[in-house]
Amino acid sequence: MFGKIRPQGSGPGIADSWHGGDDGENPLGPGAEGGALPVHTKQIGLWALLVTISMLFAGFTSAYLARRAAGEWTPIPLPRVLWLNTLILLASSATMEVARRTLRSWNLRALKRWLGITMVLGLAFLRGQFVAWKSLEQQGIFLPTNPHGSFFYLLTAVHGLHVLGGLIALGVVWFRAWRERYTPYHPAIGLCATYWHFMDLLWVYLFVLLFIL
């Protein structure tokens, strides 16, 4: 049941698992066969979502740069926990990629383990963001204190909400992996990995924008 699952010469194989488990649900999700959305549409939907998120943060960036150029700009100190947080999120990107690759070898045990590690690292990142906010509050820097602090709270909060959304999606995938609903060709892992990597790159961009430039 656990460990590596290899195709058999007879009996249920890839063709059978392609049509779902005992409950008749297609492991490829709705649309692979008689459903609502084909796989390619899901991929297009993900990229449309990422473009929308990019446009949102591009708007935030424009407002940030315009406000910084307007004068009366007092930089806030960099919470040191953000360095650790950045490493945590980058590590989660690596574990997510390992999880994605384990599915190709039909190793569901490894898939569940690496997905679990990714989720723990994602939660640790969100916890680190909360610690960073508390650190600034202890220095008397709140949302309305100055423009730099306001943008920091806003941008990190919006990014954190998107990370939380990714964690929810990973939780669903992890639960389905425990039910052994995946084949090496299932698109869910790849879609989650793409979204997660994007969140990591977006955080690095925000970190550079807020504290390095």
N, C-alpha and C. Protein backbone atom coordinates (compact mmCIF):
# COMPACT_ATOMS: atom_id res chain seq x y z
N MET A 1 0.82 -1.21 0.00
CA MET A 1 0.00 0.00 0.00
C MET A 1 0.85 1.25 0.00
N PHE A 2 1.93 1.22 0.80
CA PHE A 2 2.81 2.37 0.86
C PHE A 2 4.13 2.04 0.19
N GLY A 3 4.98 3.06 0.05
CA GLY A 3 6.26 2.88 -0.60
C GLY A 3 6.10 3.04 -2.09
N LYS A 4 7.00 2.42 -2.85
CA LYS A 4 6.93 2.57 -4.29
C LYS A 4 5.81 1.70 -4.85
N ILE A 5 5.04 2.25 -5.74
CA ILE A 5 3.95 1.54 -6.40
C ILE A 5 4.33 1.41 -7.85
N ARG A 6 4.47 0.19 -8.31
CA ARG A 6 4.95 -0.03 -9.67
C ARG A 6 3.84 -0.66 -10.50
N PRO A 7 3.80 -0.34 -11.79
CA PRO A 7 2.78 -0.93 -12.64
C PRO A 7 2.93 -2.43 -12.71
N GLN A 8 1.82 -3.15 -12.77
CA GLN A 8 1.83 -4.59 -12.81
C GLN A 8 1.64 -5.07 -14.24
N GLY A 9 2.11 -6.28 -14.48
CA GLY A 9 1.95 -6.85 -15.80
C GLY A 9 0.51 -7.25 -16.08
N SER A 10 -0.23 -7.57 -15.02
CA SER A 10 -1.63 -7.91 -15.18
C SER A 10 -2.40 -7.27 -14.05
N GLY A 11 -3.71 -7.22 -14.18
CA GLY A 11 -4.51 -6.60 -13.15
C GLY A 11 -4.54 -5.10 -13.34
N PRO A 12 -5.01 -4.36 -12.34
CA PRO A 12 -5.13 -2.91 -12.48
C PRO A 12 -3.78 -2.26 -12.72
N GLY A 13 -3.69 -1.41 -13.63
CA GLY A 13 -2.45 -0.69 -13.95
C GLY A 13 -2.74 0.75 -14.19
N ILE A 14 -1.92 1.38 -15.00
CA ILE A 14 -2.09 2.80 -15.28
C ILE A 14 -3.45 3.06 -15.91
N ALA A 15 -3.83 2.21 -16.83
CA ALA A 15 -5.10 2.45 -17.51
C ALA A 15 -6.26 2.43 -16.53
N ASP A 16 -6.22 1.51 -15.54
CA ASP A 16 -7.30 1.43 -14.58
C ASP A 16 -7.26 2.60 -13.62
N SER A 17 -6.06 2.93 -13.12
CA SER A 17 -5.97 4.03 -12.17
C SER A 17 -6.30 5.35 -12.82
N TRP A 18 -6.17 5.40 -14.14
CA TRP A 18 -6.51 6.63 -14.87
C TRP A 18 -7.98 7.00 -14.68
N HIS A 19 -8.81 6.00 -14.44
CA HIS A 19 -10.24 6.23 -14.31
C HIS A 19 -10.69 6.43 -12.89
N GLY A 20 -9.75 6.47 -11.92
CA GLY A 20 -10.12 6.79 -10.55
C GLY A 20 -10.16 5.58 -9.67
N GLY A 21 -10.53 5.80 -8.41
CA GLY A 21 -10.56 4.75 -7.42
C GLY A 21 -11.92 4.13 -7.34
N ASP A 22 -12.22 3.53 -6.16
CA ASP A 22 -13.47 2.81 -5.99
C ASP A 22 -14.68 3.73 -6.05
N ASP A 23 -14.48 5.01 -5.72
CA ASP A 23 -15.62 5.92 -5.74
C ASP A 23 -15.91 6.48 -7.11
N GLY A 24 -15.12 6.02 -8.11
CA GLY A 24 -15.38 6.44 -9.48
C GLY A 24 -14.83 7.79 -9.82
N GLU A 25 -14.08 8.42 -8.92
CA GLU A 25 -13.56 9.76 -9.21
C GLU A 25 -12.31 9.65 -10.05
N ASN A 26 -12.25 10.45 -11.06
CA ASN A 26 -11.09 10.45 -11.94
C ASN A 26 -9.92 11.09 -11.22
N PRO A 27 -8.76 10.38 -11.06
CA PRO A 27 -7.63 10.96 -10.34
C PRO A 27 -7.02 12.15 -11.03
N LEU A 28 -7.34 12.35 -12.30
CA LEU A 28 -6.85 13.53 -12.99
C LEU A 28 -7.71 14.75 -12.68
N GLY A 29 -8.78 14.53 -11.93
CA GLY A 29 -9.65 15.64 -11.63
C GLY A 29 -10.73 15.74 -12.68
N PRO A 30 -11.70 16.61 -12.49
CA PRO A 30 -12.78 16.76 -13.46
C PRO A 30 -12.25 17.23 -14.80
N GLY A 31 -12.68 16.57 -15.85
CA GLY A 31 -12.33 17.03 -17.18
C GLY A 31 -11.43 16.10 -17.94
N ALA A 32 -10.70 15.17 -17.24
CA ALA A 32 -9.84 14.27 -17.98
C ALA A 32 -10.66 13.31 -18.82
N GLU A 33 -11.88 13.02 -18.34
CA GLU A 33 -12.73 12.14 -19.11
C GLU A 33 -14.17 12.43 -18.72
N GLY A 34 -14.86 13.18 -19.53
CA GLY A 34 -16.26 13.45 -19.28
C GLY A 34 -16.50 14.48 -18.20
N GLY A 35 -15.47 15.19 -17.74
CA GLY A 35 -15.64 16.17 -16.69
C GLY A 35 -15.78 17.57 -17.25
N ALA A 36 -15.58 18.55 -16.39
CA ALA A 36 -15.82 19.92 -16.79
C ALA A 36 -14.60 20.60 -17.37
N LEU A 37 -13.42 20.24 -16.87
CA LEU A 37 -12.22 20.97 -17.27
C LEU A 37 -11.13 20.01 -17.71
N PRO A 38 -10.64 20.11 -18.93
CA PRO A 38 -9.49 19.32 -19.33
C PRO A 38 -8.23 19.83 -18.66
N VAL A 39 -7.20 19.00 -18.66
CA VAL A 39 -5.97 19.35 -17.96
C VAL A 39 -5.40 20.66 -18.47
N HIS A 40 -5.38 20.84 -19.78
CA HIS A 40 -4.75 22.05 -20.32
C HIS A 40 -5.48 23.30 -19.86
N THR A 41 -6.79 23.21 -19.64
CA THR A 41 -7.55 24.36 -19.17
C THR A 41 -7.15 24.72 -17.74
N LYS A 42 -6.87 23.70 -16.92
CA LYS A 42 -6.41 23.96 -15.57
C LYS A 42 -5.06 24.69 -15.59
N GLN A 43 -4.20 24.28 -16.50
CA GLN A 43 -2.90 24.94 -16.60
C GLN A 43 -3.06 26.38 -17.04
N ILE A 44 -3.94 26.61 -18.00
CA ILE A 44 -4.20 27.98 -18.45
C ILE A 44 -4.78 28.80 -17.30
N GLY A 45 -5.68 28.19 -16.54
CA GLY A 45 -6.26 28.88 -15.39
C GLY A 45 -5.22 29.27 -14.36
N LEU A 46 -4.25 28.37 -14.13
CA LEU A 46 -3.19 28.69 -13.17
C LEU A 46 -2.36 29.86 -13.66
N TRP A 47 -1.98 29.84 -14.93
CA TRP A 47 -1.17 30.93 -15.46
C TRP A 47 -1.94 32.25 -15.47
N ALA A 48 -3.26 32.17 -15.71
CA ALA A 48 -4.08 33.39 -15.63
C ALA A 48 -4.08 33.93 -14.21
N LEU A 49 -4.13 33.03 -13.22
CA LEU A 49 -4.08 33.46 -11.82
C LEU A 49 -2.74 34.11 -11.51
N LEU A 50 -1.65 33.51 -11.98
CA LEU A 50 -0.32 34.06 -11.70
C LEU A 50 -0.14 35.43 -12.37
N VAL A 51 -0.70 35.58 -13.57
CA VAL A 51 -0.63 36.89 -14.23
C VAL A 51 -1.41 37.93 -13.44
N THR A 52 -2.57 37.53 -12.92
CA THR A 52 -3.37 38.46 -12.12
C THR A 52 -2.63 38.88 -10.86
N ILE A 53 -2.00 37.91 -10.20
CA ILE A 53 -1.23 38.23 -8.99
C ILE A 53 -0.06 39.14 -9.33
N SER A 54 0.59 38.87 -10.46
CA SER A 54 1.71 39.71 -10.89
C SER A 54 1.26 41.15 -11.13
N MET A 55 0.11 41.31 -11.77
CA MET A 55 -0.42 42.65 -12.03
C MET A 55 -0.76 43.36 -10.71
N LEU A 56 -1.30 42.61 -9.75
CA LEU A 56 -1.61 43.19 -8.45
C LEU A 56 -0.36 43.74 -7.78
N PHE A 57 0.70 42.95 -7.76
CA PHE A 57 1.92 43.39 -7.10
C PHE A 57 2.67 44.41 -7.94
N ALA A 58 2.46 44.41 -9.25
CA ALA A 58 3.04 45.47 -10.07
C ALA A 58 2.40 46.81 -9.71
N GLY A 59 1.10 46.80 -9.46
CA GLY A 59 0.42 48.02 -9.02
C GLY A 59 0.93 48.49 -7.67
N PHE A 60 1.13 47.54 -6.74
CA PHE A 60 1.69 47.90 -5.44
C PHE A 60 3.10 48.48 -5.60
N THR A 61 3.87 47.89 -6.52
CA THR A 61 5.23 48.37 -6.73
C THR A 61 5.24 49.80 -7.25
N SER A 62 4.38 50.08 -8.20
CA SER A 62 4.29 51.44 -8.75
C SER A 62 3.94 52.45 -7.66
N ALA A 63 2.96 52.09 -6.83
CA ALA A 63 2.56 52.99 -5.74
C ALA A 63 3.70 53.16 -4.74
N TYR A 64 4.41 52.08 -4.45
CA TYR A 64 5.53 52.13 -3.50
C TYR A 64 6.64 53.05 -4.01
N LEU A 65 7.03 52.87 -5.27
CA LEU A 65 8.12 53.68 -5.82
C LEU A 65 7.72 55.15 -5.93
N ALA A 66 6.47 55.39 -6.30
CA ALA A 66 6.01 56.78 -6.39
C ALA A 66 6.01 57.45 -5.03
N ARG A 67 5.56 56.72 -4.02
CA ARG A 67 5.52 57.32 -2.68
C ARG A 67 6.91 57.53 -2.13
N ARG A 68 7.82 56.62 -2.41
CA ARG A 68 9.19 56.77 -1.92
C ARG A 68 9.88 57.96 -2.57
N ALA A 69 9.56 58.22 -3.84
CA ALA A 69 10.18 59.34 -4.55
C ALA A 69 9.57 60.68 -4.16
N ALA A 70 8.44 60.64 -3.44
CA ALA A 70 7.75 61.89 -3.10
C ALA A 70 8.39 62.62 -1.93
N GLY A 71 9.35 62.00 -1.26
CA GLY A 71 10.00 62.64 -0.12
C GLY A 71 9.37 62.25 1.19
N GLU A 72 9.96 62.74 2.29
CA GLU A 72 9.50 62.40 3.63
C GLU A 72 9.44 60.89 3.82
N TRP A 73 10.49 60.25 3.41
CA TRP A 73 10.56 58.79 3.47
C TRP A 73 11.53 58.37 4.57
N THR A 74 11.04 57.68 5.56
CA THR A 74 11.87 57.20 6.66
C THR A 74 11.93 55.68 6.60
N PRO A 75 13.08 55.11 6.24
CA PRO A 75 13.17 53.64 6.15
C PRO A 75 12.99 52.99 7.52
N ILE A 76 12.34 51.85 7.53
CA ILE A 76 12.20 51.09 8.76
C ILE A 76 13.34 50.09 8.86
N PRO A 77 13.72 49.68 10.06
CA PRO A 77 14.79 48.69 10.19
C PRO A 77 14.35 47.32 9.67
N LEU A 78 15.29 46.57 9.15
CA LEU A 78 15.01 45.24 8.62
C LEU A 78 14.92 44.25 9.78
N PRO A 79 13.76 43.64 10.01
CA PRO A 79 13.69 42.57 11.02
C PRO A 79 14.60 41.42 10.61
N ARG A 80 15.52 41.04 11.48
CA ARG A 80 16.50 40.02 11.12
C ARG A 80 15.87 38.67 10.84
N VAL A 81 14.69 38.43 11.40
CA VAL A 81 14.03 37.14 11.17
C VAL A 81 13.68 36.96 9.70
N LEU A 82 13.61 38.04 8.94
CA LEU A 82 13.26 37.92 7.53
C LEU A 82 14.34 37.21 6.72
N TRP A 83 15.60 37.32 7.16
CA TRP A 83 16.66 36.55 6.49
C TRP A 83 16.39 35.06 6.64
N LEU A 84 16.07 34.65 7.87
CA LEU A 84 15.75 33.24 8.12
C LEU A 84 14.49 32.83 7.37
N ASN A 85 13.51 33.72 7.37
CA ASN A 85 12.26 33.42 6.67
C ASN A 85 12.49 33.18 5.18
N THR A 86 13.37 33.98 4.60
CA THR A 86 13.67 33.82 3.18
C THR A 86 14.30 32.45 2.91
N LEU A 87 15.22 32.04 3.77
CA LEU A 87 15.85 30.72 3.62
C LEU A 87 14.82 29.61 3.78
N ILE A 88 13.90 29.78 4.72
CA ILE A 88 12.86 28.77 4.94
C ILE A 88 12.00 28.60 3.70
N LEU A 89 11.59 29.72 3.10
CA LEU A 89 10.73 29.63 1.93
C LEU A 89 11.47 29.05 0.73
N LEU A 90 12.74 29.40 0.58
CA LEU A 90 13.52 28.81 -0.51
C LEU A 90 13.70 27.31 -0.30
N ALA A 91 13.89 26.90 0.95
CA ALA A 91 13.99 25.47 1.25
C ALA A 91 12.68 24.75 0.93
N SER A 92 11.56 25.41 1.20
CA SER A 92 10.27 24.80 0.89
C SER A 92 10.08 24.62 -0.61
N SER A 93 10.66 25.52 -1.40
CA SER A 93 10.60 25.38 -2.85
C SER A 93 11.36 24.14 -3.29
N ALA A 94 12.50 23.89 -2.63
CA ALA A 94 13.30 22.70 -2.95
C ALA A 94 12.55 21.43 -2.58
N THR A 95 11.93 21.40 -1.40
CA THR A 95 11.20 20.20 -0.99
C THR A 95 9.96 19.98 -1.86
N MET A 96 9.34 21.08 -2.31
CA MET A 96 8.20 20.95 -3.22
C MET A 96 8.62 20.31 -4.53
N GLU A 97 9.77 20.69 -5.02
CA GLU A 97 10.27 20.13 -6.27
C GLU A 97 10.61 18.64 -6.10
N VAL A 98 11.18 18.28 -4.95
CA VAL A 98 11.45 16.87 -4.68
C VAL A 98 10.15 16.08 -4.65
N ALA A 99 9.12 16.65 -4.01
CA ALA A 99 7.81 15.98 -3.96
C ALA A 99 7.26 15.77 -5.35
N ARG A 100 7.39 16.77 -6.20
CA ARG A 100 6.88 16.65 -7.57
C ARG A 100 7.58 15.53 -8.32
N ARG A 101 8.87 15.38 -8.11
CA ARG A 101 9.62 14.37 -8.85
C ARG A 101 9.39 12.96 -8.32
N THR A 102 9.04 12.85 -7.03
CA THR A 102 8.82 11.51 -6.48
C THR A 102 7.60 10.84 -7.10
N LEU A 103 6.63 11.64 -7.56
CA LEU A 103 5.44 11.05 -8.15
C LEU A 103 5.77 10.32 -9.44
N ARG A 104 6.79 10.78 -10.15
CA ARG A 104 7.16 10.14 -11.41
C ARG A 104 7.63 8.70 -11.19
N SER A 105 8.19 8.42 -10.01
CA SER A 105 8.66 7.07 -9.71
C SER A 105 7.61 6.27 -8.94
N TRP A 106 6.41 6.78 -8.82
CA TRP A 106 5.30 6.10 -8.14
C TRP A 106 5.62 5.87 -6.67
N ASN A 107 6.41 6.75 -6.07
CA ASN A 107 6.77 6.58 -4.66
C ASN A 107 5.85 7.46 -3.83
N LEU A 108 4.68 6.96 -3.49
CA LEU A 108 3.70 7.75 -2.76
C LEU A 108 4.14 8.03 -1.33
N ARG A 109 4.90 7.12 -0.74
CA ARG A 109 5.38 7.37 0.62
C ARG A 109 6.28 8.60 0.64
N ALA A 110 7.21 8.69 -0.32
CA ALA A 110 8.09 9.86 -0.39
C ALA A 110 7.30 11.11 -0.75
N LEU A 111 6.30 10.96 -1.62
CA LEU A 111 5.47 12.11 -1.99
C LEU A 111 4.81 12.71 -0.76
N LYS A 112 4.20 11.87 0.06
CA LYS A 112 3.52 12.35 1.25
C LYS A 112 4.52 12.99 2.23
N ARG A 113 5.69 12.39 2.35
CA ARG A 113 6.69 12.92 3.28
C ARG A 113 7.15 14.30 2.84
N TRP A 114 7.50 14.47 1.56
CA TRP A 114 8.03 15.75 1.11
C TRP A 114 6.95 16.83 1.03
N LEU A 115 5.72 16.43 0.72
CA LEU A 115 4.63 17.40 0.78
C LEU A 115 4.42 17.88 2.21
N GLY A 116 4.50 16.94 3.16
CA GLY A 116 4.36 17.31 4.57
C GLY A 116 5.45 18.28 5.01
N ILE A 117 6.68 18.02 4.59
CA ILE A 117 7.79 18.91 4.95
C ILE A 117 7.57 20.29 4.35
N THR A 118 7.10 20.33 3.10
CA THR A 118 6.84 21.61 2.44
C THR A 118 5.80 22.41 3.20
N MET A 119 4.74 21.75 3.65
CA MET A 119 3.69 22.45 4.39
C MET A 119 4.21 22.95 5.74
N VAL A 120 5.03 22.17 6.41
CA VAL A 120 5.60 22.61 7.68
C VAL A 120 6.47 23.85 7.47
N LEU A 121 7.28 23.85 6.40
CA LEU A 121 8.12 25.01 6.11
C LEU A 121 7.27 26.22 5.75
N GLY A 122 6.18 25.99 5.02
CA GLY A 122 5.28 27.10 4.68
C GLY A 122 4.66 27.71 5.92
N LEU A 123 4.23 26.87 6.86
CA LEU A 123 3.68 27.37 8.12
C LEU A 123 4.75 28.11 8.92
N ALA A 124 5.98 27.60 8.88
CA ALA A 124 7.07 28.27 9.60
C ALA A 124 7.33 29.65 9.00
N PHE A 125 7.21 29.76 7.68
CA PHE A 125 7.37 31.07 7.03
C PHE A 125 6.31 32.05 7.52
N LEU A 126 5.05 31.61 7.54
CA LEU A 126 3.98 32.50 8.02
C LEU A 126 4.20 32.89 9.47
N ARG A 127 4.66 31.95 10.27
CA ARG A 127 4.97 32.26 11.66
C ARG A 127 6.08 33.30 11.75
N GLY A 128 7.09 33.16 10.88
CA GLY A 128 8.18 34.12 10.85
C GLY A 128 7.71 35.52 10.47
N GLN A 129 6.74 35.59 9.55
CA GLN A 129 6.20 36.90 9.19
C GLN A 129 5.51 37.55 10.39
N PHE A 130 4.79 36.76 11.14
CA PHE A 130 4.14 37.28 12.33
C PHE A 130 5.17 37.79 13.33
N VAL A 131 6.26 37.06 13.48
CA VAL A 131 7.34 37.49 14.37
C VAL A 131 7.94 38.81 13.90
N ALA A 132 8.09 38.96 12.58
CA ALA A 132 8.63 40.22 12.02
C ALA A 132 7.70 41.38 12.33
N TRP A 133 6.41 41.16 12.19
CA TRP A 133 5.45 42.23 12.51
C TRP A 133 5.52 42.62 13.99
N LYS A 134 5.60 41.61 14.86
CA LYS A 134 5.68 41.89 16.29
C LYS A 134 6.97 42.63 16.63
N SER A 135 8.05 42.29 15.93
CA SER A 135 9.32 42.97 16.16
C SER A 135 9.22 44.45 15.84
N LEU A 136 8.56 44.78 14.73
CA LEU A 136 8.38 46.19 14.38
C LEU A 136 7.43 46.90 15.35
N GLU A 137 6.41 46.20 15.79
CA GLU A 137 5.49 46.80 16.75
C GLU A 137 6.20 47.14 18.05
N GLN A 138 7.11 46.29 18.47
CA GLN A 138 7.87 46.56 19.69
C GLN A 138 8.77 47.78 19.56
N GLN A 139 9.10 48.14 18.31
CA GLN A 139 9.90 49.34 18.06
C GLN A 139 9.01 50.56 17.79
N GLY A 140 7.71 50.38 17.97
CA GLY A 140 6.79 51.49 17.77
C GLY A 140 6.43 51.76 16.32
N ILE A 141 6.63 50.76 15.45
CA ILE A 141 6.32 50.92 14.03
C ILE A 141 5.05 50.14 13.74
N PHE A 142 3.97 50.87 13.45
CA PHE A 142 2.68 50.26 13.17
C PHE A 142 2.26 50.61 11.74
N LEU A 143 1.11 50.12 11.34
CA LEU A 143 0.65 50.34 9.96
C LEU A 143 0.63 51.82 9.57
N PRO A 144 0.10 52.73 10.41
CA PRO A 144 0.05 54.14 10.00
C PRO A 144 1.27 54.96 10.42
N THR A 145 2.31 54.31 10.96
CA THR A 145 3.43 55.08 11.51
C THR A 145 4.17 55.87 10.44
N ASN A 146 4.56 55.19 9.36
CA ASN A 146 5.21 55.88 8.24
C ASN A 146 4.97 55.09 6.96
N PRO A 147 5.17 55.69 5.79
CA PRO A 147 4.84 55.01 4.53
C PRO A 147 5.58 53.69 4.33
N HIS A 148 6.87 53.66 4.70
CA HIS A 148 7.62 52.42 4.51
C HIS A 148 7.01 51.28 5.33
N GLY A 149 6.69 51.57 6.58
CA GLY A 149 6.06 50.56 7.41
C GLY A 149 4.71 50.14 6.88
N SER A 150 3.94 51.09 6.37
CA SER A 150 2.63 50.77 5.82
C SER A 150 2.74 49.82 4.63
N PHE A 151 3.68 50.11 3.72
CA PHE A 151 3.85 49.23 2.58
C PHE A 151 4.37 47.86 3.01
N PHE A 152 5.23 47.83 4.03
CA PHE A 152 5.73 46.54 4.50
C PHE A 152 4.59 45.68 5.01
N TYR A 153 3.76 46.22 5.87
CA TYR A 153 2.64 45.45 6.40
C TYR A 153 1.69 45.02 5.29
N LEU A 154 1.40 45.93 4.36
CA LEU A 154 0.46 45.63 3.29
C LEU A 154 0.98 44.53 2.38
N LEU A 155 2.20 44.71 1.88
CA LEU A 155 2.74 43.75 0.91
C LEU A 155 2.96 42.38 1.52
N THR A 156 3.50 42.33 2.74
CA THR A 156 3.74 41.04 3.36
C THR A 156 2.43 40.35 3.74
N ALA A 157 1.41 41.13 4.10
CA ALA A 157 0.12 40.53 4.44
C ALA A 157 -0.54 39.92 3.20
N VAL A 158 -0.52 40.65 2.09
CA VAL A 158 -1.14 40.13 0.86
C VAL A 158 -0.38 38.90 0.37
N HIS A 159 0.95 38.96 0.43
CA HIS A 159 1.74 37.79 0.03
C HIS A 159 1.45 36.62 0.96
N GLY A 160 1.36 36.89 2.25
CA GLY A 160 1.08 35.82 3.21
C GLY A 160 -0.26 35.15 2.94
N LEU A 161 -1.27 35.93 2.54
CA LEU A 161 -2.57 35.34 2.22
C LEU A 161 -2.46 34.40 1.02
N HIS A 162 -1.64 34.78 0.05
CA HIS A 162 -1.47 33.90 -1.11
C HIS A 162 -0.69 32.64 -0.73
N VAL A 163 0.28 32.77 0.17
CA VAL A 163 0.98 31.58 0.66
C VAL A 163 0.01 30.67 1.40
N LEU A 164 -0.86 31.26 2.21
CA LEU A 164 -1.87 30.47 2.92
C LEU A 164 -2.77 29.72 1.95
N GLY A 165 -3.15 30.39 0.86
CA GLY A 165 -3.94 29.71 -0.16
C GLY A 165 -3.20 28.52 -0.76
N GLY A 166 -1.89 28.70 -0.98
CA GLY A 166 -1.08 27.60 -1.48
C GLY A 166 -1.00 26.45 -0.49
N LEU A 167 -0.94 26.77 0.80
CA LEU A 167 -0.89 25.73 1.83
C LEU A 167 -2.20 24.94 1.86
N ILE A 168 -3.31 25.62 1.66
CA ILE A 168 -4.60 24.92 1.63
C ILE A 168 -4.63 23.94 0.45
N ALA A 169 -4.15 24.40 -0.71
CA ALA A 169 -4.10 23.52 -1.89
C ALA A 169 -3.18 22.33 -1.63
N LEU A 170 -2.03 22.58 -1.00
CA LEU A 170 -1.11 21.48 -0.68
C LEU A 170 -1.74 20.51 0.31
N GLY A 171 -2.53 21.04 1.25
CA GLY A 171 -3.20 20.16 2.20
C GLY A 171 -4.18 19.22 1.51
N VAL A 172 -4.90 19.74 0.51
CA VAL A 172 -5.82 18.90 -0.26
C VAL A 172 -5.05 17.82 -1.02
N VAL A 173 -3.94 18.21 -1.64
CA VAL A 173 -3.13 17.25 -2.39
C VAL A 173 -2.56 16.19 -1.45
N TRP A 174 -2.07 16.62 -0.29
CA TRP A 174 -1.50 15.69 0.69
C TRP A 174 -2.55 14.68 1.15
N PHE A 175 -3.77 15.16 1.41
CA PHE A 175 -4.84 14.27 1.84
C PHE A 175 -5.17 13.25 0.75
N ARG A 176 -5.24 13.70 -0.48
CA ARG A 176 -5.52 12.80 -1.60
C ARG A 176 -4.38 11.81 -1.81
N ALA A 177 -3.15 12.23 -1.54
CA ALA A 177 -2.02 11.31 -1.65
C ALA A 177 -2.14 10.18 -0.63
N TRP A 178 -2.62 10.51 0.57
CA TRP A 178 -2.84 9.47 1.58
C TRP A 178 -3.89 8.47 1.12
N ARG A 179 -4.82 8.90 0.31
CA ARG A 179 -5.84 8.00 -0.24
C ARG A 179 -5.34 7.30 -1.52
N GLU A 180 -4.10 7.60 -1.89
CA GLU A 180 -3.46 7.00 -3.06
C GLU A 180 -4.29 7.21 -4.32
N ARG A 181 -4.61 8.46 -4.56
CA ARG A 181 -5.45 8.82 -5.70
C ARG A 181 -4.63 9.31 -6.90
N TYR A 182 -3.31 9.20 -6.86
CA TYR A 182 -2.50 9.80 -7.92
C TYR A 182 -1.78 8.77 -8.76
N THR A 183 -1.54 9.14 -10.00
CA THR A 183 -0.71 8.37 -10.91
C THR A 183 0.48 9.25 -11.30
N PRO A 184 1.50 8.70 -11.95
CA PRO A 184 2.64 9.53 -12.34
C PRO A 184 2.28 10.67 -13.28
N TYR A 185 1.07 10.64 -13.85
CA TYR A 185 0.70 11.66 -14.83
C TYR A 185 -0.28 12.67 -14.25
N HIS A 186 -0.53 12.61 -12.96
CA HIS A 186 -1.51 13.51 -12.37
C HIS A 186 -0.99 14.95 -12.38
N PRO A 187 -1.81 15.92 -12.82
CA PRO A 187 -1.34 17.30 -12.96
C PRO A 187 -1.32 18.10 -11.67
N ALA A 188 -2.01 17.65 -10.62
CA ALA A 188 -2.17 18.49 -9.42
C ALA A 188 -0.84 18.86 -8.79
N ILE A 189 0.08 17.89 -8.71
CA ILE A 189 1.37 18.16 -8.07
C ILE A 189 2.14 19.22 -8.84
N GLY A 190 2.16 19.10 -10.16
CA GLY A 190 2.88 20.07 -10.97
C GLY A 190 2.28 21.46 -10.87
N LEU A 191 0.95 21.55 -10.83
CA LEU A 191 0.30 22.85 -10.70
C LEU A 191 0.62 23.49 -9.35
N CYS A 192 0.57 22.68 -8.30
CA CYS A 192 0.92 23.21 -6.97
C CYS A 192 2.38 23.65 -6.92
N ALA A 193 3.27 22.87 -7.54
CA ALA A 193 4.68 23.22 -7.54
C ALA A 193 4.91 24.55 -8.27
N THR A 194 4.26 24.73 -9.40
CA THR A 194 4.40 25.99 -10.14
C THR A 194 3.96 27.18 -9.30
N TYR A 195 2.80 27.04 -8.65
CA TYR A 195 2.29 28.13 -7.79
C TYR A 195 3.24 28.39 -6.63
N TRP A 196 3.73 27.33 -6.01
CA TRP A 196 4.60 27.49 -4.85
C TRP A 196 5.92 28.16 -5.22
N HIS A 197 6.50 27.75 -6.33
CA HIS A 197 7.75 28.38 -6.79
C HIS A 197 7.51 29.87 -7.08
N PHE A 198 6.36 30.17 -7.65
CA PHE A 198 6.03 31.57 -7.94
C PHE A 198 5.95 32.38 -6.65
N MET A 199 5.33 31.82 -5.61
CA MET A 199 5.25 32.52 -4.33
C MET A 199 6.64 32.76 -3.74
N ASP A 200 7.53 31.82 -3.92
CA ASP A 200 8.91 31.99 -3.43
C ASP A 200 9.61 33.13 -4.17
N LEU A 201 9.51 33.12 -5.49
CA LEU A 201 10.14 34.18 -6.27
C LEU A 201 9.53 35.54 -5.95
N LEU A 202 8.21 35.56 -5.73
CA LEU A 202 7.55 36.81 -5.39
C LEU A 202 8.05 37.35 -4.06
N TRP A 203 8.28 36.46 -3.10
CA TRP A 203 8.79 36.93 -1.81
C TRP A 203 10.20 37.50 -1.95
N VAL A 204 11.06 36.83 -2.71
CA VAL A 204 12.41 37.35 -2.92
C VAL A 204 12.34 38.74 -3.55
N TYR A 205 11.44 38.91 -4.51
CA TYR A 205 11.26 40.21 -5.15
C TYR A 205 10.84 41.26 -4.12
N LEU A 206 9.87 40.93 -3.27
CA LEU A 206 9.40 41.89 -2.26
C LEU A 206 10.49 42.22 -1.25
N PHE A 207 11.26 41.22 -0.88
CA PHE A 207 12.35 41.43 0.08
C PHE A 207 13.37 42.42 -0.48
N VAL A 208 13.73 42.22 -1.75
CA VAL A 208 14.68 43.13 -2.40
C VAL A 208 14.08 44.52 -2.54
N LEU A 209 12.82 44.58 -2.94
CA LEU A 209 12.16 45.87 -3.14
C LEU A 209 12.08 46.68 -1.83
N LEU A 210 11.74 46.01 -0.74
CA LEU A 210 11.48 46.72 0.52
C LEU A 210 12.76 47.06 1.28
N PHE A 211 13.81 46.23 1.14
CA PHE A 211 14.95 46.43 2.03
C PHE A 211 16.31 46.47 1.35
N ILE A 212 16.41 46.06 0.11
CA ILE A 212 17.73 46.01 -0.53
C ILE A 212 17.93 47.17 -1.48
N LEU A 213 16.92 47.52 -2.26
CA LEU A 213 17.07 48.62 -3.23
C LEU A 213 17.39 49.93 -2.53
